[in-house]
Amino acid sequence: MLLFWIIIFAMVAGTLAMILPPLLKPSEALAKNKLEEKRAIYQQLFDEIRQDKASGMLDDAQYEAAKIELERRMLDELDIK
């Protein structure tokens, strides 16, 4: 009977050893999707400040300041170096 339990334990441990590692580490595809979402959001924000400049809501100095601040935020958040 002891042999039976040893075999069952070994089978369960082997199965868990094969199943758990992929489940515990984050998927590369998921990380890539999050990065693409963030890039799309920042692209939209850049487009908005360009439209604000084109419509006259921002002058050149305000546009440059907004663009620089947005670039800093993007680089910090996306960790691009």
Protein backbone atom coordinates (compact mmCIF):
# COMPACT_ATOMS: atom_id res chain seq x y z
CA MET A 1 0.00 0.00 0.00
CA LEU A 2 2.90 2.32 0.74
CA LEU A 3 4.24 1.76 -2.78
CA PHE A 4 0.87 2.85 -4.19
CA TRP A 5 0.99 6.17 -2.30
CA ILE A 6 4.59 6.78 -3.34
CA ILE A 7 3.67 6.27 -7.00
CA ILE A 8 0.62 8.57 -6.66
CA PHE A 9 2.73 11.26 -4.98
CA ALA A 10 5.40 11.01 -7.69
CA MET A 11 2.80 11.29 -10.45
CA VAL A 12 1.15 14.33 -8.84
CA ALA A 13 4.51 16.01 -8.22
CA GLY A 14 5.59 15.37 -11.82
CA THR A 15 2.35 16.75 -13.19
CA LEU A 16 2.59 19.87 -11.03
CA ALA A 17 6.23 20.36 -12.03
CA MET A 18 5.18 20.41 -15.69
CA ILE A 19 2.02 22.52 -15.33
CA LEU A 20 2.92 25.21 -12.77
CA PRO A 21 5.96 26.98 -14.33
CA PRO A 22 4.12 28.21 -17.45
CA LEU A 23 1.15 29.25 -15.34
CA LEU A 24 3.22 31.23 -12.87
CA LYS A 25 5.32 33.31 -15.26
CA PRO A 26 3.62 36.10 -17.19
CA SER A 27 3.00 35.51 -20.82
CA GLU A 28 5.21 37.38 -23.29
CA ALA A 29 2.20 37.98 -25.49
CA LEU A 30 0.36 39.60 -22.60
CA ALA A 31 3.31 41.86 -21.83
CA LYS A 32 3.59 42.79 -25.51
CA ASN A 33 -0.13 43.61 -25.66
CA LYS A 34 0.15 45.91 -22.65
CA LEU A 35 3.11 47.68 -24.25
CA GLU A 36 1.19 48.15 -27.50
CA GLU A 37 -1.81 49.52 -25.58
CA LYS A 38 0.37 52.06 -23.79
CA ARG A 39 2.00 53.11 -27.05
CA ALA A 40 -1.42 53.57 -28.65
CA ILE A 41 -2.56 55.73 -25.74
CA TYR A 42 0.51 57.95 -25.99
CA GLN A 43 0.13 58.19 -29.76
CA GLN A 44 -3.43 59.41 -29.20
CA LEU A 45 -2.20 61.98 -26.67
CA PHE A 46 0.44 63.23 -29.12
CA ASP A 47 -2.24 63.52 -31.80
CA GLU A 48 -4.43 65.52 -29.41
CA ILE A 49 -1.74 68.09 -28.64
CA ARG A 50 -0.97 68.38 -32.38
CA GLN A 51 -4.66 69.06 -33.01
CA ASP A 52 -4.73 71.61 -30.18
CA LYS A 53 -1.79 73.41 -31.78
CA ALA A 54 -3.40 73.28 -35.23
CA SER A 55 -6.67 74.66 -33.86
CA GLY A 56 -4.86 77.50 -32.08
CA MET A 57 -5.53 76.32 -28.52
CA LEU A 58 -1.78 76.02 -27.94
CA ASP A 59 0.94 78.37 -29.12
CA ASP A 60 4.38 77.09 -30.12
CA ALA A 61 5.87 77.35 -26.61
CA GLN A 62 2.92 75.59 -24.98
CA TYR A 63 2.99 72.89 -27.65
CA GLU A 64 6.70 72.23 -27.12
CA ALA A 65 6.27 72.14 -23.33
CA ALA A 66 3.35 69.71 -23.61
CA LYS A 67 5.23 67.56 -26.09
CA ILE A 68 8.35 67.39 -23.91
CA GLU A 69 6.30 66.52 -20.81
CA LEU A 70 4.41 63.81 -22.70
CA GLU A 71 7.68 62.38 -24.04
CA ARG A 72 9.11 62.26 -20.50
CA ARG A 73 6.03 60.51 -19.16
CA MET A 74 6.10 58.02 -22.01
CA LEU A 75 9.78 57.22 -21.54
CA ASP A 76 9.33 56.80 -17.80
CA GLU A 77 6.28 54.57 -18.12
CA LEU A 78 7.49 52.46 -21.03
CA ASP A 79 11.03 52.31 -19.59
CA ILE A 80 12.60 53.12 -22.96
CA LYS A 81 16.24 54.11 -22.88
